[in-house]
Amino acid sequence: MEVNKDNFFEVLPQIEKSISECDFLALDLEMTGLTSGKMERQKPWDSPQQRYLKIRDGAQVICPTQFGLCTFKYSADKQSYVWPSKAHRKVSSPLPVRFRLPMTSF
């Protein structure tokens, strides 16, 4: 389901219901990049922790452009999660570079 500024408050109860009824949820954040320009390049021998810290540092200053949310229910018959119970996508316009906020403010 496409979520935008015109229908956000209309579909918000549906999204909240999907989250409260799900057994598992997945989030996806599309961003304008993965590095801030100051970030040290990733190396093949980096540990998972080093790689995470390098990407995290870049992600804190990069603008999100889209937020995705999928909720899943567990099916006892199939013995697996059923995909998707509900899928929601919120598209946002990135802020101009001079107005970017750290991701911790988002």
Foldseek 3Di string as FASTA:
>chain_A
DEDEPVCPVVCVVVVVVLVVPFPDKDKDWAWPDQAQVPADDDDPPDDPVRVVVRSLVRQQFIWTFKMKMFGWHQDPVVRGTDPGPDIYMYGDDGDPNVPTHGPVVD
